[in-house]
Amino acid sequence: MSTQAKLPSRLHHTAYVTKDLEATRRFYEDLIGLPLVATWCESDELFGAMRTYCHTFFELADGSALAFFQFEKPEDQQLFGPELPSSPFHHIALNVDVETQQGIEQRLRAAGYKEPDTYVLEHGYCRSLYVKDPNGMIVEFTHDSPQAITQELLQARRAKAHQELKRWLSGDRTSNNVFR
């Protein structure tokens, strides 16, 4: 029997709390294009109290989903949905192709989104479109550069991943991004 654990097959969903499920639905379904595929209205005893909430799922192409909760009681909403930090380093990144990224970018512009609520970063190895959703969460739509996803480069990155981490942790902060 192998000591190596079998890897999870894919992300099932990642969940967040929203203050306004309809604004969240309009953003993810109408603007971004992720279909609402399930809505569960539930009451459960959680953490010593009855909690009533609505749980929605917006599907990605691989069947995984972005999920959002809204609670009936304001005190539950506050307890489980504190404000997200205003940081570009706290976000979810979704893989898209060039055409999908361009379509999202055009729809955002047409809907009146502009900096600082949406912006683009050219990382060299990928192009990233960032946008704040109605909850203040940053969502990144990223398209990898074809030069950065060759089998040779991916294998080299994997082979050096631990070595590069040790280098960084030891204090060597030299950039290894050969695409910039």
C-alpha atoms as a PDB file:
ATOM      1  CA  MET A   1       0.000   0.000   0.000  1.00  0.00           C
ATOM      2  CA  SER A   2       1.333   3.408  -0.944  1.00  0.00           C
ATOM      3  CA  THR A   3       2.109   5.926   1.785  1.00  0.00           C
ATOM      4  CA  GLN A   4       1.338   8.706  -0.698  1.00  0.00           C
ATOM      5  CA  ALA A   5      -2.190  10.031  -0.200  1.00  0.00           C
ATOM      6  CA  LYS A   6      -4.420  10.311  -3.230  1.00  0.00           C
ATOM      7  CA  LEU A   7      -4.865  13.966  -4.192  1.00  0.00           C
ATOM      8  CA  PRO A   8      -8.305  15.574  -4.150  1.00  0.00           C
ATOM      9  CA  SER A   9      -9.719  15.493  -7.686  1.00  0.00           C
ATOM     10  CA  ARG A  10     -10.764  19.166  -7.884  1.00  0.00           C
ATOM     11  CA  LEU A  11     -12.099  22.013  -5.801  1.00  0.00           C
ATOM     12  CA  HIS A  12     -15.713  21.272  -4.861  1.00  0.00           C
ATOM     13  CA  HIS A  13     -16.461  24.827  -3.739  1.00  0.00           C
ATOM     14  CA  THR A  14     -15.023  27.690  -1.796  1.00  0.00           C
ATOM     15  CA  ALA A  15     -17.428  29.573   0.465  1.00  0.00           C
ATOM     16  CA  TYR A  16     -17.837  33.166   1.590  1.00  0.00           C
ATOM     17  CA  VAL A  17     -20.427  35.224   3.449  1.00  0.00           C
ATOM     18  CA  THR A  18     -22.315  37.942   1.613  1.00  0.00           C
ATOM     19  CA  LYS A  19     -24.453  40.780   2.942  1.00  0.00           C
ATOM     20  CA  ASP A  20     -26.642  40.849  -0.169  1.00  0.00           C
ATOM     21  CA  LEU A  21     -27.277  37.601  -2.062  1.00  0.00           C
ATOM     22  CA  GLU A  22     -29.084  39.359  -4.905  1.00  0.00           C
ATOM     23  CA  ALA A  23     -26.192  41.791  -5.528  1.00  0.00           C
ATOM     24  CA  THR A  24     -23.837  38.812  -5.369  1.00  0.00           C
ATOM     25  CA  ARG A  25     -26.021  36.879  -7.821  1.00  0.00           C
ATOM     26  CA  ARG A  26     -26.164  39.793 -10.267  1.00  0.00           C
ATOM     27  CA  PHE A  27     -22.375  40.144 -10.145  1.00  0.00           C
ATOM     28  CA  TYR A  28     -21.420  36.485 -10.522  1.00  0.00           C
ATOM     29  CA  GLU A  29     -24.238  35.332 -12.799  1.00  0.00           C
ATOM     30  CA  ASP A  30     -25.236  38.358 -14.867  1.00  0.00           C
ATOM     31  CA  LEU A  31     -21.886  40.164 -15.104  1.00  0.00           C
ATOM     32  CA  ILE A  32     -19.221  37.450 -14.799  1.00  0.00           C
ATOM     33  CA  GLY A  33     -21.288  34.649 -16.359  1.00  0.00           C
ATOM     34  CA  LEU A  34     -21.179  31.951 -13.660  1.00  0.00           C
ATOM     35  CA  PRO A  35     -24.596  30.271 -13.524  1.00  0.00           C
ATOM     36  CA  LEU A  36     -26.433  29.935 -10.228  1.00  0.00           C
ATOM     37  CA  VAL A  37     -26.834  26.145 -10.006  1.00  0.00           C
ATOM     38  CA  ALA A  38     -28.042  25.539  -6.445  1.00  0.00           C
ATOM     39  CA  THR A  39     -29.720  27.424  -3.625  1.00  0.00           C
ATOM     40  CA  TRP A  40     -30.071  25.706  -0.257  1.00  0.00           C
ATOM     41  CA  CYS A  41     -32.183  27.381   2.443  1.00  0.00           C
ATOM     42  CA  GLU A  42     -31.333  25.771   5.769  1.00  0.00           C
ATOM     43  CA  SER A  43     -31.529  25.935   9.550  1.00  0.00           C
ATOM     44  CA  ASP A  44     -28.956  24.072  11.610  1.00  0.00           C
ATOM     45  CA  GLU A  45     -27.731  24.031  15.145  1.00  0.00           C
ATOM     46  CA  LEU A  46     -24.223  25.367  14.748  1.00  0.00           C
ATOM     47  CA  PHE A  47     -21.862  26.484  17.497  1.00  0.00           C
ATOM     48  CA  GLY A  48     -24.534  26.423  20.209  1.00  0.00           C
ATOM     49  CA  ALA A  49     -27.395  28.209  18.421  1.00  0.00           C
ATOM     50  CA  MET A  50     -29.908  27.687  15.639  1.00  0.00           C
ATOM     51  CA  ARG A  51     -28.645  29.416  12.506  1.00  0.00           C
ATOM     52  CA  THR A  52     -30.883  30.056   9.494  1.00  0.00           C
ATOM     53  CA  TYR A  53     -29.134  30.828   6.242  1.00  0.00           C
ATOM     54  CA  CYS A  54     -29.257  30.651   2.480  1.00  0.00           C
ATOM     55  CA  HIS A  55     -26.349  28.951   0.665  1.00  0.00           C
ATOM     56  CA  THR A  56     -25.894  29.574  -3.080  1.00  0.00           C
ATOM     57  CA  PHE A  57     -23.516  27.974  -5.601  1.00  0.00           C
ATOM     58  CA  PHE A  58     -22.193  29.578  -8.808  1.00  0.00           C
ATOM     59  CA  GLU A  59     -20.657  26.981 -11.108  1.00  0.00           C
ATOM     60  CA  LEU A  60     -17.265  27.045 -12.813  1.00  0.00           C
ATOM     61  CA  ALA A  61     -16.579  25.107 -16.026  1.00  0.00           C
ATOM     62  CA  ASP A  62     -15.079  22.107 -14.193  1.00  0.00           C
ATOM     63  CA  GLY A  63     -18.154  21.671 -11.972  1.00  0.00           C
ATOM     64  CA  SER A  64     -16.624  23.336  -8.920  1.00  0.00           C
ATOM     65  CA  ALA A  65     -18.323  26.390  -7.483  1.00  0.00           C
ATOM     66  CA  LEU A  66     -18.062  29.673  -5.660  1.00  0.00           C
ATOM     67  CA  ALA A  67     -20.531  29.527  -2.782  1.00  0.00           C
ATOM     68  CA  PHE A  68     -22.031  32.323  -0.713  1.00  0.00           C
ATOM     69  CA  PHE A  69     -23.953  32.342   2.566  1.00  0.00           C
ATOM     70  CA  GLN A  70     -26.384  34.950   3.825  1.00  0.00           C
ATOM     71  CA  PHE A  71     -27.723  34.627   7.367  1.00  0.00           C
ATOM     72  CA  GLU A  72     -31.198  35.481   8.592  1.00  0.00           C
ATOM     73  CA  LYS A  73     -30.053  37.150  11.834  1.00  0.00           C
ATOM     74  CA  PRO A  74     -27.788  40.206  11.755  1.00  0.00           C
ATOM     75  CA  GLU A  75     -25.778  38.836  14.705  1.00  0.00           C
ATOM     76  CA  ASP A  76     -25.031  35.612  12.778  1.00  0.00           C
ATOM     77  CA  GLN A  77     -24.138  37.665   9.717  1.00  0.00           C
ATOM     78  CA  GLN A  78     -21.687  39.706  11.812  1.00  0.00           C
ATOM     79  CA  LEU A  79     -20.236  36.642  13.560  1.00  0.00           C
ATOM     80  CA  PHE A  80     -19.611  34.597  10.413  1.00  0.00           C
ATOM     81  CA  GLY A  81     -19.117  37.357   7.855  1.00  0.00           C
ATOM     82  CA  PRO A  82     -16.676  39.913   9.226  1.00  0.00           C
ATOM     83  CA  GLU A  83     -15.310  42.530   6.840  1.00  0.00           C
ATOM     84  CA  LEU A  84     -12.679  41.246   4.438  1.00  0.00           C
ATOM     85  CA  PRO A  85      -9.275  42.877   4.635  1.00  0.00           C
ATOM     86  CA  SER A  86      -8.699  45.497   1.981  1.00  0.00           C
ATOM     87  CA  SER A  87      -5.691  43.800   0.432  1.00  0.00           C
ATOM     88  CA  PRO A  88      -4.883  42.676  -3.105  1.00  0.00           C
ATOM     89  CA  PHE A  89      -3.107  39.708  -1.497  1.00  0.00           C
ATOM     90  CA  HIS A  90      -6.365  38.241  -0.160  1.00  0.00           C
ATOM     91  CA  HIS A  91      -8.289  37.052  -3.214  1.00  0.00           C
ATOM     92  CA  ILE A  92      -9.488  34.094  -5.245  1.00  0.00           C
ATOM     93  CA  ALA A  93      -7.957  33.535  -8.682  1.00  0.00           C
ATOM     94  CA  LEU A  94      -9.867  31.845 -11.489  1.00  0.00           C
ATOM     95  CA  ASN A  95      -8.231  30.508 -14.640  1.00  0.00           C
ATOM     96  CA  VAL A  96      -9.653  31.883 -17.909  1.00  0.00           C
ATOM     97  CA  ASP A  97      -8.657  31.918 -21.561  1.00  0.00           C
ATOM     98  CA  VAL A  98      -7.922  35.163 -23.403  1.00  0.00           C
ATOM     99  CA  GLU A  99     -11.416  35.444 -24.905  1.00  0.00           C
ATOM    100  CA  THR A 100     -13.155  34.914 -21.558  1.00  0.00           C
ATOM    101  CA  GLN A 101     -10.883  37.445 -19.846  1.00  0.00           C
ATOM    102  CA  GLN A 102     -11.564  40.013 -22.565  1.00  0.00           C
ATOM    103  CA  GLY A 103     -15.322  39.430 -22.314  1.00  0.00           C
ATOM    104  CA  ILE A 104     -15.312  39.875 -18.531  1.00  0.00           C
ATOM    105  CA  GLU A 105     -13.145  42.983 -18.845  1.00  0.00           C
ATOM    106  CA  GLN A 106     -15.520  44.505 -21.428  1.00  0.00           C
ATOM    107  CA  ARG A 107     -18.628  43.729 -19.335  1.00  0.00           C
ATOM    108  CA  LEU A 108     -17.014  45.232 -16.236  1.00  0.00           C
ATOM    109  CA  ARG A 109     -16.124  48.399 -18.136  1.00  0.00           C
ATOM    110  CA  ALA A 110     -19.637  48.627 -19.601  1.00  0.00           C
ATOM    111  CA  ALA A 111     -21.068  48.247 -16.073  1.00  0.00           C
ATOM    112  CA  GLY A 112     -18.970  51.212 -14.889  1.00  0.00           C
ATOM    113  CA  TYR A 113     -16.162  49.393 -13.070  1.00  0.00           C
ATOM    114  CA  LYS A 114     -12.871  51.306 -12.999  1.00  0.00           C
ATOM    115  CA  GLU A 115      -9.767  51.606 -10.820  1.00  0.00           C
ATOM    116  CA  PRO A 116      -9.410  50.913  -7.949  1.00  0.00           C
ATOM    117  CA  ASP A 117     -12.346  48.462  -8.136  1.00  0.00           C
ATOM    118  CA  THR A 118     -10.841  46.759 -11.198  1.00  0.00           C
ATOM    119  CA  TYR A 119      -7.310  46.731 -12.588  1.00  0.00           C
ATOM    120  CA  VAL A 120      -4.904  44.608 -14.655  1.00  0.00           C
ATOM    121  CA  LEU A 121      -1.439  43.337 -13.728  1.00  0.00           C
ATOM    122  CA  GLU A 122       0.925  41.922 -16.295  1.00  0.00           C
ATOM    123  CA  HIS A 123       2.971  39.427 -14.276  1.00  0.00           C
ATOM    124  CA  GLY A 124       4.895  38.226 -17.317  1.00  0.00           C
ATOM    125  CA  TYR A 125       3.968  34.588 -16.785  1.00  0.00           C
ATOM    126  CA  CYS A 126       0.268  35.566 -16.731  1.00  0.00           C
ATOM    127  CA  ARG A 127      -2.089  38.511 -17.249  1.00  0.00           C
ATOM    128  CA  SER A 128      -4.443  39.103 -14.348  1.00  0.00           C
ATOM    129  CA  LEU A 129      -7.693  41.060 -14.289  1.00  0.00           C
ATOM    130  CA  TYR A 130      -8.751  41.946 -10.737  1.00  0.00           C
ATOM    131  CA  VAL A 131     -12.178  43.153  -9.627  1.00  0.00           C
ATOM    132  CA  LYS A 132     -13.900  43.744  -6.295  1.00  0.00           C
ATOM    133  CA  ASP A 133     -17.188  41.903  -5.968  1.00  0.00           C
ATOM    134  CA  PRO A 134     -20.196  43.383  -4.109  1.00  0.00           C
ATOM    135  CA  ASN A 135     -18.764  42.013  -0.845  1.00  0.00           C
ATOM    136  CA  GLY A 136     -15.413  43.763  -1.242  1.00  0.00           C
ATOM    137  CA  MET A 137     -13.717  40.449  -2.099  1.00  0.00           C
ATOM    138  CA  ILE A 138     -11.126  40.595  -4.848  1.00  0.00           C
ATOM    139  CA  VAL A 139     -11.579  38.098  -7.668  1.00  0.00           C
ATOM    140  CA  GLU A 140      -8.759  37.555 -10.148  1.00  0.00           C
ATOM    141  CA  PHE A 141      -9.315  36.254 -13.672  1.00  0.00           C
ATOM    142  CA  THR A 142      -5.946  35.080 -14.888  1.00  0.00           C
ATOM    143  CA  HIS A 143      -4.672  33.937 -18.256  1.00  0.00           C
ATOM    144  CA  ASP A 144      -1.312  32.151 -18.347  1.00  0.00           C
ATOM    145  CA  SER A 145       1.246  33.202 -20.931  1.00  0.00           C
ATOM    146  CA  PRO A 146       1.836  30.348 -23.407  1.00  0.00           C
ATOM    147  CA  GLN A 147       5.599  30.695 -22.776  1.00  0.00           C
ATOM    148  CA  ALA A 148       5.058  30.073 -19.050  1.00  0.00           C
ATOM    149  CA  ILE A 149       3.092  26.856 -19.344  1.00  0.00           C
ATOM    150  CA  THR A 150       5.368  24.722 -21.477  1.00  0.00           C
ATOM    151  CA  GLN A 151       5.947  21.235 -20.112  1.00  0.00           C
ATOM    152  CA  GLU A 152       9.661  21.973 -19.741  1.00  0.00           C
ATOM    153  CA  LEU A 153       9.079  25.101 -17.683  1.00  0.00           C
ATOM    154  CA  LEU A 154       6.357  23.503 -15.556  1.00  0.00           C
ATOM    155  CA  GLN A 155       8.626  20.527 -14.809  1.00  0.00           C
ATOM    156  CA  ALA A 156      11.533  22.844 -13.951  1.00  0.00           C
ATOM    157  CA  ARG A 157       9.329  24.912 -11.591  1.00  0.00           C
ATOM    158  CA  ARG A 158       8.076  21.747  -9.880  1.00  0.00           C
ATOM    159  CA  ALA A 159      11.601  20.349  -9.541  1.00  0.00           C
ATOM    160  CA  LYS A 160      12.889  23.575  -7.966  1.00  0.00           C
ATOM    161  CA  ALA A 161       9.838  24.508  -5.858  1.00  0.00           C
ATOM    162  CA  HIS A 162      11.306  23.413  -2.504  1.00  0.00           C
ATOM    163  CA  GLN A 163      14.767  24.773  -3.357  1.00  0.00           C
ATOM    164  CA  GLU A 164      13.297  28.179  -4.286  1.00  0.00           C
ATOM    165  CA  LEU A 165      11.250  28.290  -1.071  1.00  0.00           C
ATOM    166  CA  LYS A 166      14.332  27.467   1.038  1.00  0.00           C
ATOM    167  CA  ARG A 167      16.290  30.163  -0.810  1.00  0.00           C
ATOM    168  CA  TRP A 168      13.603  32.746  -0.041  1.00  0.00           C
ATOM    169  CA  LEU A 169      13.278  31.670   3.600  1.00  0.00           C
ATOM    170  CA  SER A 170      17.044  31.897   4.057  1.00  0.00           C
ATOM    171  CA  GLY A 171      16.954  35.568   3.050  1.00  0.00           C
ATOM    172  CA  ASP A 172      17.795  35.480  -0.666  1.00  0.00           C
ATOM    173  CA  ARG A 173      15.072  37.659  -2.181  1.00  0.00           C
ATOM    174  CA  THR A 174      16.396  37.611  -5.759  1.00  0.00           C
ATOM    175  CA  SER A 175      13.580  37.514  -8.313  1.00  0.00           C
ATOM    176  CA  ASN A 176      13.217  34.272 -10.242  1.00  0.00           C
ATOM    177  CA  ASN A 177      10.552  35.628 -12.607  1.00  0.00           C
ATOM    178  CA  VAL A 178      12.324  35.356 -15.975  1.00  0.00           C
ATOM    179  CA  PHE A 179       9.307  36.821 -17.758  1.00  0.00           C
ATOM    180  CA  ARG A 180       9.694  40.385 -16.501  1.00  0.00           C
END
